[in-house]
Structures are given as structure tokens and as C-alpha cells.
Amino acid sequence: MEKNKKLANVEGDEEKKVLKILSEDNLPGHKEAVSLDDLDREILENFQRDAFFSYAKLAKKWDVTTATIRNRIHRMKESGVMDVILVMNPYKIGYSAFAIIGIRLKDKVDIDQVVSNLLAIPGVTNVIMVAGRYDFFVHYIGKNMEEYRRFVIETLRGIPGILTIESFIGLDLYERPFEFGIIR
């Protein structure tokens, strides 16, 4: 939090100082918004509907080349706006154990190191920093409950900086595609 604070002079009075909390000026790179135009937004909307959409059809609609569409996609991937990933049904590939784990951290711990350790574990699909009772929610998927038991006892409990964990075992999985709807 300290790095997000900046002292700014009040106009016309060099002696008075006010504390200005910089909200958008000091965001980490992965949180900074990228400028998108209407073509970029339509590309994103097409990907949400069908990752295999026709670049040629979209190029014709916008009166641009197919290379322009490819270049826009490449630029958005490079800038972190999007990533094209494969989403699988875990049941169909033999992974039937899943859980959401609430994690509380010890005081004065290197948060980035804990997150890095968590994301390096096979089966951890994401780590979400939250406000409230927990510091993080970790999503985990494994082949069976024995694999999950070993993950908790042998791996998770061995990560330095973790104070407590609480597991919420998944009984069934209902998922919808991640969509924003119309991106404007």
C-alpha cells in the first residue's frame, strides 16, 4: 500500500502537503487498461462465441486484410488483453476431485512468493486474492480424493507463510464459459 501513496503539493501553497492516493496512476502492468477500438472489441466478441471464427469473414466485414485481424489478435495477446486457452471437462479426462481452498497467511509474509509457490503446484488452476476472512481462494483439481489428500497434507501444508487452510470440497461442477457479453 505504501508504494501507492504520493505526497502532492496543494496548488499555490508549497508548505501544505496533502496525501493523494493514486488509484489508476500506479497500477501494476497487468491491471492497466489497454486502449481498444471497435475492431478489437469485435474480435474479442468473436472469440467468446467461437475460438475458431473465420478471420477472413471478419476482415471482409471490416474491409481490412486477414493479416490485420491476425496482427490485432497478436497485439492483444502480447499486451495481456486476451489469451486463447483450451477448457476441458475434467470429468471426461479422469479428474473428479476438485475443491476451493480458503487460505489465510501469516503476518509479514512475502505474498508474491506464496502465490508463486501455489501456482507451481500441479492441479492448482488459479489463485484469487480476496478481502474478508481469507487472503486467497485456491482452485484445485485432481484425479481423486486420495490425490487431493496428499496435496493438502504433503504439499499445501508445507508452503511457508500459510497460517490456515479451509477446504470446500466440490460435489459437482457447473461451469459456464467466461464471457463479458458485449465489450464496450
Protein backbone atom coordinates (compact mmCIF):
# COMPACT_ATOMS: atom_id res chain seq x y z
CA MET A 1 0.00 0.00 0.00
CA GLU A 2 2.86 2.40 0.79
CA LYS A 3 4.03 2.48 -2.82
CA ASN A 4 0.57 3.66 -3.94
CA LYS A 5 0.73 6.83 -1.84
CA LYS A 6 2.18 10.06 -3.15
CA LEU A 7 2.53 13.44 -1.48
CA ALA A 8 1.34 16.23 -3.73
CA ASN A 9 1.62 19.97 -3.18
CA VAL A 10 -1.60 21.90 -2.89
CA GLU A 11 -1.64 24.46 -5.68
CA GLY A 12 -0.17 27.82 -4.58
CA ASP A 13 0.97 26.67 -1.16
CA GLU A 14 4.36 24.93 -1.10
CA GLU A 15 4.21 24.38 2.68
CA LYS A 16 0.92 22.46 2.75
CA LYS A 17 1.05 18.88 1.67
CA VAL A 18 -1.84 16.54 1.03
CA LEU A 19 -1.85 12.81 0.72
CA LYS A 20 -3.04 11.73 -2.70
CA ILE A 21 -3.88 8.08 -3.20
CA LEU A 22 -3.08 7.20 -6.77
CA SER A 23 -5.65 4.77 -7.99
CA GLU A 24 -5.03 4.41 -11.70
CA ASP A 25 -1.66 6.12 -12.00
CA ASN A 26 0.29 3.45 -10.14
CA LEU A 27 -1.44 0.22 -11.14
CA PRO A 28 0.74 -2.82 -11.80
CA GLY A 29 1.08 -3.53 -15.53
CA HIS A 30 -1.34 -6.47 -15.53
CA LYS A 31 -4.11 -4.20 -14.20
CA GLU A 32 -3.66 -1.27 -16.58
CA ALA A 33 -6.40 -0.90 -19.18
CA VAL A 34 -5.39 -1.11 -22.83
CA SER A 35 -6.99 1.09 -25.46
CA LEU A 36 -9.34 -0.93 -27.66
CA ASP A 37 -11.19 0.21 -30.75
CA ASP A 38 -14.37 -1.23 -32.25
CA LEU A 39 -12.49 -3.79 -34.35
CA ASP A 40 -10.58 -5.04 -31.29
CA ARG A 41 -13.86 -5.39 -29.39
CA GLU A 42 -15.49 -7.30 -32.23
CA ILE A 43 -12.51 -9.65 -32.39
CA LEU A 44 -12.89 -10.32 -28.64
CA GLU A 45 -16.62 -10.90 -29.00
CA ASN A 46 -16.00 -13.34 -31.87
CA PHE A 47 -13.51 -15.29 -29.74
CA GLN A 48 -16.07 -15.50 -26.93
CA ARG A 49 -18.62 -17.02 -29.30
CA ASP A 50 -16.26 -19.30 -31.24
CA ALA A 51 -12.47 -19.51 -30.92
CA PHE A 52 -12.36 -20.87 -34.48
CA PHE A 53 -14.19 -17.97 -36.10
CA SER A 54 -13.21 -17.01 -39.64
CA TYR A 55 -10.61 -14.26 -39.73
CA ALA A 56 -11.35 -13.85 -43.44
CA LYS A 57 -15.08 -13.18 -42.88
CA LEU A 58 -14.34 -10.62 -40.18
CA ALA A 59 -11.71 -8.96 -42.37
CA LYS A 60 -14.17 -8.72 -45.24
CA LYS A 61 -16.83 -7.22 -42.96
CA TRP A 62 -14.41 -4.52 -41.78
CA ASP A 63 -12.76 -4.06 -45.21
CA VAL A 64 -9.31 -4.95 -43.87
CA THR A 65 -6.90 -7.76 -44.63
CA THR A 66 -6.79 -11.08 -42.82
CA ALA A 67 -3.27 -10.11 -41.74
CA THR A 68 -4.75 -7.07 -39.96
CA ILE A 69 -7.00 -9.37 -37.93
CA ARG A 70 -4.06 -11.67 -37.10
CA ASN A 71 -1.93 -8.67 -36.12
CA ARG A 72 -4.67 -7.28 -33.87
CA ILE A 73 -5.01 -10.67 -32.15
CA HIS A 74 -1.25 -10.90 -31.72
CA ARG A 75 -1.14 -7.36 -30.25
CA MET A 76 -3.95 -8.12 -27.80
CA LYS A 77 -2.22 -11.34 -26.71
CA GLU A 78 1.11 -9.55 -26.25
CA SER A 79 -0.48 -6.74 -24.22
CA GLY A 80 -2.28 -9.22 -21.95
CA VAL A 81 -5.79 -8.31 -23.10
CA MET A 82 -6.54 -11.89 -24.08
CA ASP A 83 -5.20 -15.38 -24.16
CA VAL A 84 -6.70 -18.24 -26.09
CA ILE A 85 -6.81 -21.34 -23.89
CA LEU A 86 -8.35 -24.76 -24.06
CA VAL A 87 -11.00 -25.51 -21.45
CA MET A 88 -11.57 -29.20 -20.81
CA ASN A 89 -14.27 -31.08 -18.97
CA PRO A 90 -12.31 -32.53 -16.01
CA TYR A 91 -14.68 -35.49 -15.63
CA LYS A 92 -14.07 -36.60 -19.23
CA ILE A 93 -10.30 -36.71 -18.73
CA GLY A 94 -10.37 -38.52 -15.39
CA TYR A 95 -10.21 -35.65 -12.88
CA SER A 96 -13.14 -35.93 -10.50
CA ALA A 97 -11.82 -34.30 -7.30
CA PHE A 98 -11.99 -30.55 -7.02
CA ALA A 99 -12.01 -28.03 -4.25
CA ILE A 100 -11.87 -24.38 -3.39
CA ILE A 101 -9.46 -23.75 -0.55
CA GLY A 102 -9.58 -20.68 1.66
CA ILE A 103 -6.08 -19.69 2.77
CA ARG A 104 -5.04 -17.28 5.49
CA LEU A 105 -1.44 -16.07 5.55
CA LYS A 106 0.90 -15.35 8.43
CA ASP A 107 1.75 -11.71 9.12
CA LYS A 108 4.64 -10.12 7.21
CA VAL A 109 4.86 -12.86 4.60
CA ASP A 110 6.06 -12.40 1.02
CA ILE A 111 2.69 -12.64 -0.73
CA ASP A 112 4.23 -12.93 -4.21
CA GLN A 113 6.36 -15.89 -3.07
CA VAL A 114 3.34 -17.71 -1.60
CA VAL A 115 1.37 -17.13 -4.82
CA SER A 116 4.31 -18.32 -6.91
CA ASN A 117 4.60 -21.48 -4.79
CA LEU A 118 0.87 -22.16 -5.11
CA LEU A 119 0.78 -21.66 -8.87
CA ALA A 120 3.72 -24.04 -9.31
CA ILE A 121 1.67 -26.95 -7.90
CA PRO A 122 0.11 -29.31 -10.46
CA GLY A 123 -3.66 -29.21 -10.05
CA VAL A 124 -3.84 -25.60 -8.85
CA THR A 125 -5.80 -23.85 -11.58
CA ASN A 126 -5.86 -20.35 -10.13
CA VAL A 127 -5.24 -18.25 -7.04
CA ILE A 128 -7.55 -15.35 -6.24
CA MET A 129 -6.64 -12.69 -3.69
CA VAL A 130 -9.76 -11.75 -1.75
CA ALA A 131 -10.86 -9.40 1.01
CA GLY A 132 -12.54 -10.87 4.06
CA ARG A 133 -11.94 -13.93 6.19
CA TYR A 134 -9.33 -15.38 3.84
CA ASP A 135 -6.40 -13.89 1.97
CA PHE A 136 -6.75 -16.23 -1.01
CA PHE A 137 -9.04 -18.74 -2.60
CA VAL A 138 -7.21 -21.50 -4.44
CA HIS A 139 -8.95 -23.68 -7.02
CA TYR A 140 -7.62 -27.21 -7.18
CA ILE A 141 -8.49 -30.17 -9.38
CA GLY A 142 -7.16 -33.72 -9.04
CA LYS A 143 -7.79 -37.27 -10.17
CA ASN A 144 -9.37 -38.48 -6.93
CA MET A 145 -9.74 -37.74 -3.22
CA GLU A 146 -6.52 -39.59 -2.34
CA GLU A 147 -4.59 -37.27 -4.65
CA TYR A 148 -6.36 -34.31 -3.04
CA ARG A 149 -5.50 -35.60 0.47
CA ARG A 150 -1.80 -35.83 -0.48
CA PHE A 151 -1.98 -32.32 -1.99
CA VAL A 152 -3.29 -30.86 1.29
CA ILE A 153 -1.14 -32.84 3.73
CA GLU A 154 2.15 -33.13 1.84
CA THR A 155 2.19 -30.05 -0.38
CA LEU A 156 -0.08 -27.25 0.77
CA ARG A 157 0.81 -27.51 4.46
CA GLY A 158 4.49 -27.33 3.56
CA ILE A 159 4.32 -23.90 1.92
CA PRO A 160 6.00 -21.28 4.12
CA GLY A 161 3.75 -18.37 5.06
CA ILE A 162 0.43 -20.22 5.15
CA LEU A 163 -1.30 -19.89 8.52
CA THR A 164 -4.54 -21.82 7.95
CA ILE A 165 -6.42 -23.59 5.19
CA GLU A 166 -10.07 -24.50 4.89
CA SER A 167 -11.28 -26.77 2.12
CA PHE A 168 -14.60 -26.62 0.36
CA ILE A 169 -14.86 -29.94 -1.48
CA GLY A 170 -16.69 -29.84 -4.79
CA LEU A 171 -19.66 -32.18 -5.06
CA ASP A 172 -20.40 -31.35 -8.67
CA LEU A 173 -19.11 -28.86 -11.20
CA TYR A 174 -21.27 -26.43 -13.12
CA GLU A 175 -19.44 -24.05 -15.36
CA ARG A 176 -20.36 -21.52 -17.96
CA PRO A 177 -17.95 -20.06 -20.44
CA PHE A 178 -16.17 -16.96 -19.20
CA GLU A 179 -17.79 -14.09 -21.06
CA PHE A 180 -18.10 -10.37 -20.65
CA GLY A 181 -21.04 -10.06 -23.02
CA ILE A 182 -20.75 -7.07 -25.30
CA ILE A 183 -17.38 -5.41 -24.71
CA ARG A 184 -17.83 -1.64 -24.94
